[in-house]
Amino acid sequence: MAPGDVIDVDIPAQEGDTLELDRVLLVSDDKGVRMGTPTLSGARVVASVVGRVKGEKIQVMKFKAKVRYHKKTGHRQSYTRLEIKDIKLAPARGRKKEDGA
């Protein structure tokens, strides 16, 4: 994801709120790819809540053989739509170069 992207997540929040997502697993930029073990410390994604949306409808069918029982129900999951504002990274810790061989 990049700033300006819109994603749907299962986090309850009010419209207009600003969220900071601090469990970042991987970051890729012009300096390279950084992976966390399991998360990157100091990396945060700042996002604002655009609104609430519903996902696709899932159909659930219950059926019992030989007794003429069947029941069809459906479910639509509610999601929070987020717009990514900024991705903040902690300064990269590089290895110190030593003199000599």
Protein backbone atom coordinates (compact mmCIF):
# COMPACT_ATOMS: atom_id res chain seq x y z
CA MET A 1 0.00 0.00 0.00
CA ALA A 2 1.03 3.58 -0.53
CA PRO A 3 -0.25 6.99 0.61
CA GLY A 4 -3.59 7.67 -1.05
CA ASP A 5 -4.68 4.01 -1.20
CA VAL A 6 -8.06 2.98 0.22
CA ILE A 7 -8.37 -0.33 2.13
CA ASP A 8 -11.14 -2.13 4.02
CA VAL A 9 -10.31 -3.50 7.49
CA ASP A 10 -12.22 -5.14 10.34
CA ILE A 11 -11.37 -2.48 12.96
CA PRO A 12 -14.23 -0.60 14.67
CA ALA A 13 -13.76 3.18 14.35
CA GLN A 14 -15.87 6.30 13.81
CA GLU A 15 -15.90 8.24 10.55
CA GLY A 16 -13.35 11.05 10.56
CA ASP A 17 -11.04 9.40 13.13
CA THR A 18 -7.31 9.06 12.52
CA LEU A 19 -5.72 5.68 13.22
CA GLU A 20 -2.08 4.69 13.63
CA LEU A 21 -1.38 1.11 12.65
CA ASP A 22 1.86 0.11 14.36
CA ARG A 23 2.09 -3.60 13.50
CA VAL A 24 3.95 -3.27 10.18
CA LEU A 25 5.41 -6.49 8.81
CA LEU A 26 7.28 -5.34 5.68
CA VAL A 27 8.33 -2.04 4.10
CA SER A 28 9.67 -1.56 0.59
CA ASP A 29 11.06 1.77 -0.64
CA ASP A 30 13.86 3.10 -2.85
CA LYS A 31 16.43 2.01 -0.24
CA GLY A 32 15.33 -1.62 -0.37
CA VAL A 33 13.08 -4.05 1.46
CA ARG A 34 12.95 -4.29 5.26
CA MET A 35 11.22 -7.19 6.99
CA GLY A 36 10.34 -7.41 10.64
CA THR A 37 10.74 -10.38 12.94
CA PRO A 38 7.72 -10.46 13.25
CA THR A 39 7.12 -6.66 13.07
CA LEU A 40 9.24 -3.62 12.29
CA SER A 41 9.89 -1.52 15.37
CA GLY A 42 9.22 2.17 14.89
CA ALA A 43 7.26 1.78 11.63
CA ARG A 44 3.71 3.20 11.58
CA VAL A 45 0.96 3.69 9.02
CA VAL A 46 -1.27 6.74 9.54
CA ALA A 47 -4.77 6.39 8.09
CA SER A 48 -8.06 8.27 8.31
CA VAL A 49 -11.48 6.61 8.47
CA VAL A 50 -13.54 7.32 5.35
CA GLY A 51 -16.66 5.40 6.38
CA ARG A 52 -18.32 2.02 6.94
CA VAL A 53 -18.98 -0.47 4.12
CA LYS A 54 -20.37 -3.99 3.85
CA GLY A 55 -18.57 -6.87 2.19
CA GLU A 56 -19.94 -9.46 -0.20
CA LYS A 57 -22.87 -11.58 0.88
CA ILE A 58 -21.96 -15.10 1.96
CA GLN A 59 -24.67 -17.74 1.67
CA VAL A 60 -24.89 -20.46 4.31
CA MET A 61 -26.95 -23.59 3.66
CA LYS A 62 -27.98 -26.10 6.31
CA PHE A 63 -29.32 -29.43 5.11
CA LYS A 64 -30.36 -32.71 6.75
CA ALA A 65 -30.87 -35.75 4.57
CA LYS A 66 -34.13 -37.76 4.59
CA VAL A 67 -36.09 -35.32 6.81
CA ARG A 68 -36.79 -32.56 4.25
CA TYR A 69 -34.96 -29.97 6.32
CA HIS A 70 -33.04 -27.20 4.64
CA LYS A 71 -32.36 -23.65 5.71
CA LYS A 72 -30.65 -20.91 3.71
CA THR A 73 -29.22 -17.84 5.46
CA GLY A 74 -26.79 -15.11 4.50
CA HIS A 75 -24.21 -12.86 6.13
CA ARG A 76 -22.57 -9.55 5.17
CA GLN A 77 -19.54 -8.48 7.19
CA SER A 78 -19.19 -4.79 8.12
CA TYR A 79 -15.82 -3.19 7.36
CA THR A 80 -14.20 0.16 8.07
CA ARG A 81 -12.82 1.90 4.97
CA LEU A 82 -9.45 3.60 5.58
CA GLU A 83 -7.49 6.03 3.43
CA ILE A 84 -3.73 5.78 3.92
CA LYS A 85 -2.26 9.21 4.69
CA ASP A 86 1.37 8.49 5.53
CA ILE A 87 3.83 5.67 6.16
CA LYS A 88 6.39 6.61 8.83
CA LEU A 89 9.60 4.66 9.28
CA ALA A 90 12.18 4.61 12.02
CA PRO A 91 15.71 5.43 10.87
CA ALA A 92 17.44 2.36 9.45
CA ARG A 93 20.16 0.95 11.64
CA GLY A 94 23.10 0.08 9.42
CA ARG A 95 26.16 -1.92 10.26
CA LYS A 96 29.29 -0.03 11.17
CA LYS A 97 32.09 -0.50 8.72
CA GLU A 98 35.41 -1.51 10.26
CA ASP A 99 38.84 -0.64 8.98
CA GLY A 100 41.27 -3.30 7.83
CA ALA A 101 40.84 -6.76 6.44
